[in-house]
Every structure is written in C-alpha cells, then in structure tokens.
Amino acid sequence: MAHPLLLSLANIDADIRSKGSLHAHLLLALLPVASFIHPKTRVRSLLSDRLVHESLDFVLKPLKVAATVGIMMSDPVGNSHYCFTPLVAYIADTPEQCLLAGISPKASPVLTATYKQFGDPYPHPPRTAAITLDAIKAACEEANPDDFEDFLKAAKRHVLNGVHEPFFRNWPLADPSKFLTPEVLHLFHRLFWDHDLQWCIAALGPDEIDYRFSLIQTPVGYRSFEEGISKLKQVTGRDHRSAQRYTIGAVAGAVPPKFLAAISALLDFRYLAQMPWFDDNTLASVEAALRTFHVNKSTIIAARARWGSNGPLEHWEIPKLELLQNVVASI
C-alpha cells in the first residue's frame, strides 16, 4: 500500500486542474503506508506520522532548495525566469491536515482552537508555523524525541501529535495556517452529509424524511431520491450536492423555525463560499450566514438531533465546523 503525492502549479486554472483527464497533476511520489510492530497503538501512530514527514522531507528537498536560492525555469514561450517555489496549497482532508501540521487531532490544524472550542462563534488566532515549531521545541526540552512514550506525553501537553521534525520546518514561507486551504469535498459536502443531514434525520425520523424526499418533484437531469436518503451507502460528492438542493424543502414545516434557519444558514454559507470572486458585500454575506447558524444552533441540540454512539450530544466538538471560520479568513 502507498499514498500518492501529486504535484501541480498554482498558475494553472482551477477548471483545468480539477479534471484528471487533462493531466494537470504530476505523480511526484508514493508515500509508504507501513505497519509497525510496536505493541502500543499510540506509538505505532507516532511512527507512522513521523514516516510521512520524513518521506515528504526527502521528496520535497529540491523544492525547498529552489524556494531558498531560486531556480531558472522556462515559460510556455521559451523565456527563462528566475523562480522560487513556495508551498502555496496542500489539499488534504481534516485528519491528514492535522498530521501535516504536526497537531493533535483534538486541535485545529490552522487555528489555535482545541476541541472544546470548535463550536465557538468567532475565529481563533491562526496556528502559525512559528507557534507549532516553538511548541515542538518546548516538548523536546521536556522529553527525548527518541523515547516515544515520554515524548508523546510531552507532545500531548503542547497539543502536538509527536512529530518533532515537520517537513515544513526548513521550507521558506511554508506555513500550515496558509497552505492548508479549505477543501470543498470534505469541508462542505462531507460536513453536510455527516452532520446537517443526520440532524434532520434525527429530528424527523428516517421513515418520515425518506417519505418527504420521495415526494419531491425533481427537474430533468437532477438526481432523484425515490427511496429516500437515510439508507444510502457509499455516496459520492455528486449525491451530497443533490441532497443539499432538496433538504430545506424536505424538512420545512417539520422542524422548529430556528432549526430550519440554522440548516439553511449552513447551506447558504457553502454556496456563497464557492463563488468565483468576492467583494465586500459578498464577503459580508458569507460571514452573516455563518453567524446566523451560530445564533440558532442551540435549537438543534434542544431538539435532541445531535447523536453519538452513546446517545444525544450536548456539545459542538466538530472539527470541520471550526474550520468554517478559516474559510472566512481565507477569503
């Protein structure tokens, strides 16, 4: 098993880069997915995390050198330019973002918020590379990085995952709070499917929401849900987007007004945040949508619509929810 590492250029249009058939990405390396034999799970996870960073450190060394001293490159018409290669964006899902940032999964990889603060209605300060490297330095002073179990304890106190030499440490201008950009598939569509839609299913019941979805008259060319949505498995991003189109119409009248306002605000946020360009008015609309959700979100808990494996939940410890604050900052 291996994890592919793909490389592209920031000056390639997004419409081109997002189509695999146009080959705008280069397979740079296959990162190893190793199985370690240490008896403790947390140590095996530590070793896996360190292996990823060491592999990235080795593979990306030429780009780091070019970012430091520059390199001559040709443009499409043959002219040579003196170029530098900063890390502009690293596209990854939420767990991988924490891995790359060297941060504990119970903290934000881009903001200085921990899991108890994920539901705060305001953005926390950015978790810059300097903050993370200072925390790693402090952890290394408290424990030897080669003593895995002791170092893990020190790392936990500093909200780290135990990686003592992150790959970005010697890459000029590389900062996780900047290169870990919002990722639409997981941050928007997957968040909707795993949370928003599940709140609606819990509030109405699976049979009722399936019945309501089956009654919706869908336009030609759009996905229909004749058997409902509660039992769907292995859904794609296209299914996520289709369900978002109908959710408000399906639950309207069956949930409290503030519940509906909270769900509608998150949907508004997702659509507005994907606009091709922004001005002061549209940016204000994005911020207002997220603010509206936080004003009305208590109704979701009051309706006992947030459930975990042990029953109803009374908190908002959702990493992707906190990352929405970074979307506003990134815009």
Protein backbone atom coordinates (compact mmCIF):
# COMPACT_ATOMS: atom_id res chain seq x y z
CA MET A 1 0.00 0.00 0.00
CA ALA A 2 1.11 3.54 -0.70
CA HIS A 3 -0.26 7.06 -0.57
CA PRO A 4 0.12 9.05 -3.82
CA LEU A 5 1.65 12.51 -3.61
CA LEU A 6 0.59 14.71 -6.53
CA LEU A 7 2.17 17.99 -7.59
CA SER A 8 0.67 20.84 -9.60
CA LEU A 9 1.27 24.55 -10.26
CA ALA A 10 -0.72 27.40 -8.76
CA ASN A 11 -0.92 29.28 -12.06
CA ILE A 12 -2.96 26.51 -13.75
CA ASP A 13 -6.64 27.39 -13.95
CA ALA A 14 -8.75 25.53 -11.37
CA ASP A 15 -11.18 24.27 -14.02
CA ILE A 16 -8.28 22.55 -15.77
CA ARG A 17 -6.54 21.33 -12.64
CA SER A 18 -9.73 19.71 -11.28
CA LYS A 19 -10.12 17.44 -14.33
CA GLY A 20 -7.96 14.36 -14.08
CA SER A 21 -8.17 13.71 -17.83
CA LEU A 22 -6.24 16.94 -18.50
CA HIS A 23 -3.24 15.68 -16.50
CA ALA A 24 -2.55 18.92 -14.65
CA HIS A 25 -1.04 16.93 -11.76
CA LEU A 26 2.25 15.05 -11.72
CA LEU A 27 2.69 11.93 -9.59
CA LEU A 28 5.65 13.03 -7.52
CA ALA A 29 5.99 10.04 -5.18
CA LEU A 30 4.24 7.15 -3.48
CA LEU A 31 4.44 7.67 0.28
CA PRO A 32 4.78 4.41 2.22
CA VAL A 33 1.95 3.12 4.39
CA ALA A 34 3.87 0.95 6.84
CA SER A 35 2.67 -1.45 9.55
CA PHE A 36 4.78 -1.11 12.68
CA ILE A 37 5.11 -3.91 15.24
CA HIS A 38 5.28 -1.88 18.47
CA PRO A 39 2.72 -3.26 20.94
CA LYS A 40 1.17 0.14 21.75
CA THR A 41 -1.21 1.75 19.26
CA ARG A 42 -0.23 5.33 20.10
CA VAL A 43 3.43 4.59 19.41
CA ARG A 44 2.60 2.93 16.10
CA SER A 45 0.60 6.04 15.15
CA LEU A 46 3.55 8.23 16.13
CA LEU A 47 5.95 6.21 13.98
CA SER A 48 3.53 6.36 11.03
CA ASP A 49 3.22 10.14 11.35
CA ARG A 50 6.98 10.59 11.54
CA LEU A 51 7.49 8.36 8.49
CA VAL A 52 5.17 10.57 6.43
CA HIS A 53 7.05 13.72 7.41
CA GLU A 54 10.46 12.14 6.80
CA SER A 55 9.29 10.94 3.37
CA LEU A 56 7.96 14.40 2.48
CA ASP A 57 11.18 15.95 3.76
CA PHE A 58 13.21 13.74 1.42
CA VAL A 59 10.97 14.00 -1.66
CA LEU A 60 10.41 17.76 -1.45
CA LYS A 61 14.02 18.74 -0.75
CA PRO A 62 14.64 20.07 -4.31
CA LEU A 63 11.62 22.37 -3.99
CA LYS A 64 12.92 23.63 -0.65
CA VAL A 65 16.30 24.41 -2.23
CA ALA A 66 14.59 26.22 -5.10
CA ALA A 67 12.48 28.18 -2.64
CA THR A 68 15.64 29.24 -0.81
CA VAL A 69 18.08 30.12 -3.61
CA GLY A 70 15.82 30.16 -6.70
CA ILE A 71 15.98 28.26 -9.98
CA MET A 72 15.77 29.15 -13.68
CA MET A 73 12.55 27.96 -15.33
CA SER A 74 11.07 28.36 -18.81
CA ASP A 75 7.64 29.80 -19.53
CA PRO A 76 5.32 28.44 -22.29
CA VAL A 77 7.00 30.57 -24.97
CA GLY A 78 10.55 29.65 -24.03
CA ASN A 79 11.58 32.67 -21.95
CA SER A 80 13.66 31.90 -18.85
CA HIS A 81 12.69 33.30 -15.47
CA TYR A 82 14.35 33.21 -12.09
CA CYS A 83 11.74 31.44 -9.93
CA PHE A 84 11.16 30.40 -6.35
CA THR A 85 8.90 27.53 -5.26
CA PRO A 86 6.87 28.27 -2.11
CA LEU A 87 4.27 25.79 -0.92
CA VAL A 88 1.02 27.51 -1.86
CA ALA A 89 -1.56 24.85 -1.03
CA TYR A 90 -1.65 21.27 0.22
CA ILE A 91 -5.04 19.67 -0.42
CA ALA A 92 -5.93 17.12 2.26
CA ASP A 93 -8.86 16.02 4.39
CA THR A 94 -9.14 17.04 8.05
CA PRO A 95 -7.22 14.13 9.70
CA GLU A 96 -4.41 14.49 7.17
CA GLN A 97 -4.28 18.24 7.77
CA CYS A 98 -3.62 17.59 11.48
CA LEU A 99 -0.93 15.10 10.50
CA LEU A 100 0.77 17.57 8.16
CA ALA A 101 0.57 20.43 10.67
CA GLY A 102 2.04 18.24 13.43
CA ILE A 103 -1.02 18.91 15.59
CA SER A 104 -3.15 16.62 17.75
CA PRO A 105 -6.45 15.52 16.15
CA LYS A 106 -8.17 17.27 19.07
CA ALA A 107 -6.97 20.67 17.86
CA SER A 108 -7.37 22.73 14.74
CA PRO A 109 -4.50 22.44 12.22
CA VAL A 110 -4.89 26.08 11.14
CA LEU A 111 -6.33 27.94 14.15
CA THR A 112 -5.33 27.91 17.82
CA ALA A 113 -8.55 26.20 18.90
CA THR A 114 -8.87 22.86 20.69
CA TYR A 115 -11.84 20.51 20.58
CA LYS A 116 -13.68 22.29 23.41
CA GLN A 117 -13.65 25.48 21.30
CA PHE A 118 -14.75 24.00 17.95
CA GLY A 119 -18.25 25.41 18.37
CA ASP A 120 -17.17 28.97 19.16
CA PRO A 121 -18.95 31.58 17.01
CA TYR A 122 -15.74 33.51 16.29
CA PRO A 123 -12.37 32.68 14.69
CA HIS A 124 -9.38 31.98 16.88
CA PRO A 125 -5.89 33.30 16.02
CA PRO A 126 -4.04 31.37 13.29
CA ARG A 127 -1.81 28.48 14.32
CA THR A 128 1.30 29.67 12.54
CA ALA A 129 4.38 27.60 11.80
CA ALA A 130 6.28 29.61 14.42
CA ILE A 131 3.75 28.65 17.11
CA THR A 132 3.98 24.96 16.22
CA LEU A 133 7.78 24.94 16.00
CA ASP A 134 8.06 26.71 19.37
CA ALA A 135 5.74 24.09 20.89
CA ILE A 136 7.85 21.28 19.39
CA LYS A 137 11.00 22.88 20.80
CA ALA A 138 9.42 23.06 24.26
CA ALA A 139 8.32 19.41 24.05
CA CYS A 140 11.84 18.35 23.00
CA GLU A 141 13.24 20.13 26.07
CA GLU A 142 10.85 18.20 28.30
CA ALA A 143 11.45 14.75 26.81
CA ASN A 144 13.75 12.95 24.38
CA PRO A 145 12.04 12.54 20.98
CA ASP A 146 13.56 9.05 20.72
CA ASP A 147 11.83 8.00 23.94
CA PHE A 148 8.48 7.59 22.23
CA GLU A 149 6.16 7.17 25.20
CA ASP A 150 7.63 10.01 27.28
CA PHE A 151 7.73 12.30 24.27
CA LEU A 152 4.12 11.54 23.46
CA LYS A 153 3.16 12.71 26.94
CA ALA A 154 5.09 15.96 26.45
CA ALA A 155 3.61 16.40 22.98
CA LYS A 156 0.10 15.95 24.35
CA ARG A 157 0.65 18.79 26.81
CA HIS A 158 1.51 21.05 23.86
CA VAL A 159 -1.34 19.80 21.61
CA LEU A 160 1.10 18.07 19.21
CA ASN A 161 0.99 14.68 17.52
CA GLY A 162 4.60 13.77 18.35
CA VAL A 163 6.32 14.68 15.07
CA HIS A 164 9.49 16.51 16.12
CA GLU A 165 10.81 17.35 12.62
CA PRO A 166 7.85 18.51 10.49
CA PHE A 167 8.56 18.70 6.77
CA PHE A 168 7.73 22.42 6.58
CA ARG A 169 10.27 23.50 9.21
CA ASN A 170 13.00 24.42 6.66
CA TRP A 171 10.79 25.44 3.73
CA PRO A 172 10.81 29.25 3.35
CA LEU A 173 7.35 30.81 3.72
CA ALA A 174 5.73 27.39 4.32
CA ASP A 175 3.07 27.85 6.99
CA PRO A 176 0.29 25.28 7.69
CA SER A 177 -2.12 28.07 8.58
CA LYS A 178 -1.74 29.30 4.98
CA PHE A 179 -1.04 26.26 2.80
CA LEU A 180 -3.76 24.08 4.36
CA THR A 181 -6.52 25.70 2.34
CA PRO A 182 -10.25 24.86 2.62
CA GLU A 183 -11.19 21.74 0.66
CA VAL A 184 -14.73 21.73 -0.74
CA LEU A 185 -15.44 17.99 -0.95
CA HIS A 186 -14.76 17.17 2.70
CA LEU A 187 -15.20 20.54 4.39
CA PHE A 188 -18.51 21.43 2.69
CA HIS A 189 -20.19 18.40 1.17
CA ARG A 190 -18.98 15.77 3.62
CA LEU A 191 -19.79 18.03 6.58
CA PHE A 192 -23.34 18.35 5.25
CA TRP A 193 -23.79 14.60 4.85
CA ASP A 194 -22.23 13.60 8.17
CA HIS A 195 -23.86 16.31 10.29
CA ASP A 196 -26.51 18.59 8.77
CA LEU A 197 -28.42 15.76 7.12
CA GLN A 198 -28.05 13.49 10.15
CA TRP A 199 -29.56 16.23 12.35
CA CYS A 200 -32.54 16.39 10.03
CA ILE A 201 -32.91 12.59 10.02
CA ALA A 202 -32.78 12.53 13.83
CA ALA A 203 -35.35 15.34 14.08
CA LEU A 204 -37.89 13.82 11.66
CA GLY A 205 -37.08 10.12 11.84
CA PRO A 206 -35.72 8.03 8.94
CA ASP A 207 -39.13 6.96 7.61
CA GLU A 208 -40.57 10.48 7.55
CA ILE A 209 -37.59 12.12 5.87
CA ASP A 210 -37.38 9.29 3.29
CA TYR A 211 -41.06 9.78 2.52
CA ARG A 212 -40.61 13.53 2.10
CA PHE A 213 -37.61 13.10 -0.20
CA SER A 214 -39.54 10.57 -2.29
CA LEU A 215 -42.31 13.13 -2.90
CA ILE A 216 -40.04 15.85 -4.26
CA GLN A 217 -40.55 16.50 -7.95
CA THR A 218 -37.04 16.68 -9.40
CA PRO A 219 -36.24 18.57 -12.63
CA VAL A 220 -34.98 16.64 -15.63
CA GLY A 221 -31.27 15.94 -15.28
CA TYR A 222 -31.24 16.15 -11.49
CA ARG A 223 -30.79 13.27 -9.07
CA SER A 224 -33.99 11.86 -7.56
CA PHE A 225 -34.32 10.04 -4.26
CA GLU A 226 -37.37 7.84 -4.80
CA GLU A 227 -36.42 5.57 -1.87
CA GLY A 228 -35.23 8.37 0.39
CA ILE A 229 -31.75 9.14 1.69
CA SER A 230 -31.45 7.59 5.16
CA LYS A 231 -30.26 4.18 3.93
CA LEU A 232 -27.88 5.29 1.18
CA LYS A 233 -24.38 3.82 1.33
CA GLN A 234 -21.14 4.75 -0.44
CA VAL A 235 -22.50 8.06 -1.66
CA THR A 236 -20.41 10.36 -3.84
CA GLY A 237 -19.85 14.09 -3.80
CA ARG A 238 -22.49 14.37 -6.53
CA ASP A 239 -25.03 12.71 -4.18
CA HIS A 240 -24.04 15.13 -1.42
CA ARG A 241 -24.70 18.11 -3.66
CA SER A 242 -28.01 16.68 -4.87
CA ALA A 243 -29.30 16.09 -1.35
CA GLN A 244 -28.35 19.65 -0.39
CA ARG A 245 -30.68 21.01 -3.08
CA TYR A 246 -33.75 19.39 -1.56
CA THR A 247 -33.09 19.31 2.20
CA ILE A 248 -34.75 22.61 3.10
CA GLY A 249 -37.87 21.75 1.13
CA ALA A 250 -37.98 18.28 2.66
CA VAL A 251 -37.79 19.34 6.31
CA ALA A 252 -39.68 22.63 6.16
CA GLY A 253 -42.72 22.56 8.44
CA ALA A 254 -41.48 19.55 10.39
CA VAL A 255 -38.73 21.23 12.44
CA PRO A 256 -38.73 24.39 14.61
CA PRO A 257 -38.14 27.65 12.69
CA LYS A 258 -34.75 28.25 14.31
CA PHE A 259 -33.70 24.67 13.48
CA LEU A 260 -34.57 25.34 9.85
CA ALA A 261 -32.77 28.70 9.99
CA ALA A 262 -29.57 27.01 11.24
CA ILE A 263 -29.61 24.37 8.47
CA SER A 264 -30.45 26.99 5.84
CA ALA A 265 -27.62 29.25 7.06
CA LEU A 266 -25.03 26.47 6.65
CA LEU A 267 -26.28 25.74 3.15
CA ASP A 268 -26.14 29.45 2.30
CA PHE A 269 -22.59 29.56 3.64
CA ARG A 270 -21.50 26.65 1.43
CA TYR A 271 -22.97 28.12 -1.74
CA LEU A 272 -21.67 31.63 -1.06
CA ALA A 273 -18.17 30.42 -0.14
CA GLN A 274 -17.85 28.73 -3.56
CA MET A 275 -18.38 31.94 -5.51
CA PRO A 276 -15.70 32.59 -8.16
CA TRP A 277 -14.98 36.08 -6.83
CA PHE A 278 -15.75 38.20 -3.76
CA ASP A 279 -16.30 41.82 -2.90
CA ASP A 280 -17.13 43.46 0.43
CA ASN A 281 -20.84 42.69 0.07
CA THR A 282 -20.45 39.01 -0.75
CA LEU A 283 -17.85 38.56 1.98
CA ALA A 284 -20.27 40.14 4.45
CA SER A 285 -22.94 37.69 3.29
CA VAL A 286 -20.62 34.72 3.93
CA GLU A 287 -19.87 35.97 7.44
CA ALA A 288 -23.54 36.68 8.12
CA ALA A 289 -24.56 33.14 7.07
CA LEU A 290 -22.11 31.54 9.49
CA ARG A 291 -23.15 33.95 12.22
CA THR A 292 -26.82 33.04 11.66
CA PHE A 293 -26.02 29.37 12.17
CA HIS A 294 -24.29 30.01 15.49
CA VAL A 295 -27.19 32.17 16.68
CA ASN A 296 -29.71 29.37 16.00
CA LYS A 297 -27.65 26.20 16.55
CA SER A 298 -28.86 25.67 20.14
CA THR A 299 -32.24 24.62 18.72
CA ILE A 300 -30.58 21.58 17.11
CA ILE A 301 -29.36 20.34 20.48
CA ALA A 302 -32.68 21.25 22.10
CA ALA A 303 -34.41 19.03 19.52
CA ARG A 304 -32.02 16.17 20.51
CA ALA A 305 -30.88 15.97 16.91
CA ARG A 306 -27.15 15.61 17.64
CA TRP A 307 -26.39 11.98 18.41
CA GLY A 308 -23.27 10.00 19.15
CA SER A 309 -22.66 6.32 19.80
CA ASN A 310 -23.75 6.77 23.43
CA GLY A 311 -26.84 8.91 22.87
CA PRO A 312 -27.66 12.62 22.46
CA LEU A 313 -24.75 15.06 22.40
CA GLU A 314 -24.71 18.41 24.17
CA HIS A 315 -21.61 19.88 22.55
CA TRP A 316 -20.30 21.12 19.17
CA GLU A 317 -16.92 19.35 19.06
CA ILE A 318 -16.92 19.07 15.27
CA PRO A 319 -13.52 19.82 13.67
CA LYS A 320 -14.97 20.74 10.28
CA LEU A 321 -17.39 23.17 11.92
CA GLU A 322 -14.48 25.08 13.42
CA LEU A 323 -12.65 25.03 10.08
CA LEU A 324 -15.51 27.02 8.55
CA GLN A 325 -14.13 30.00 10.46
CA ASN A 326 -10.91 29.57 8.49
CA VAL A 327 -12.88 29.68 5.24
CA VAL A 328 -13.95 33.24 6.06
CA ALA A 329 -10.36 34.17 6.94
CA SER A 330 -9.04 32.57 3.72
CA ILE A 331 -11.45 34.52 1.53
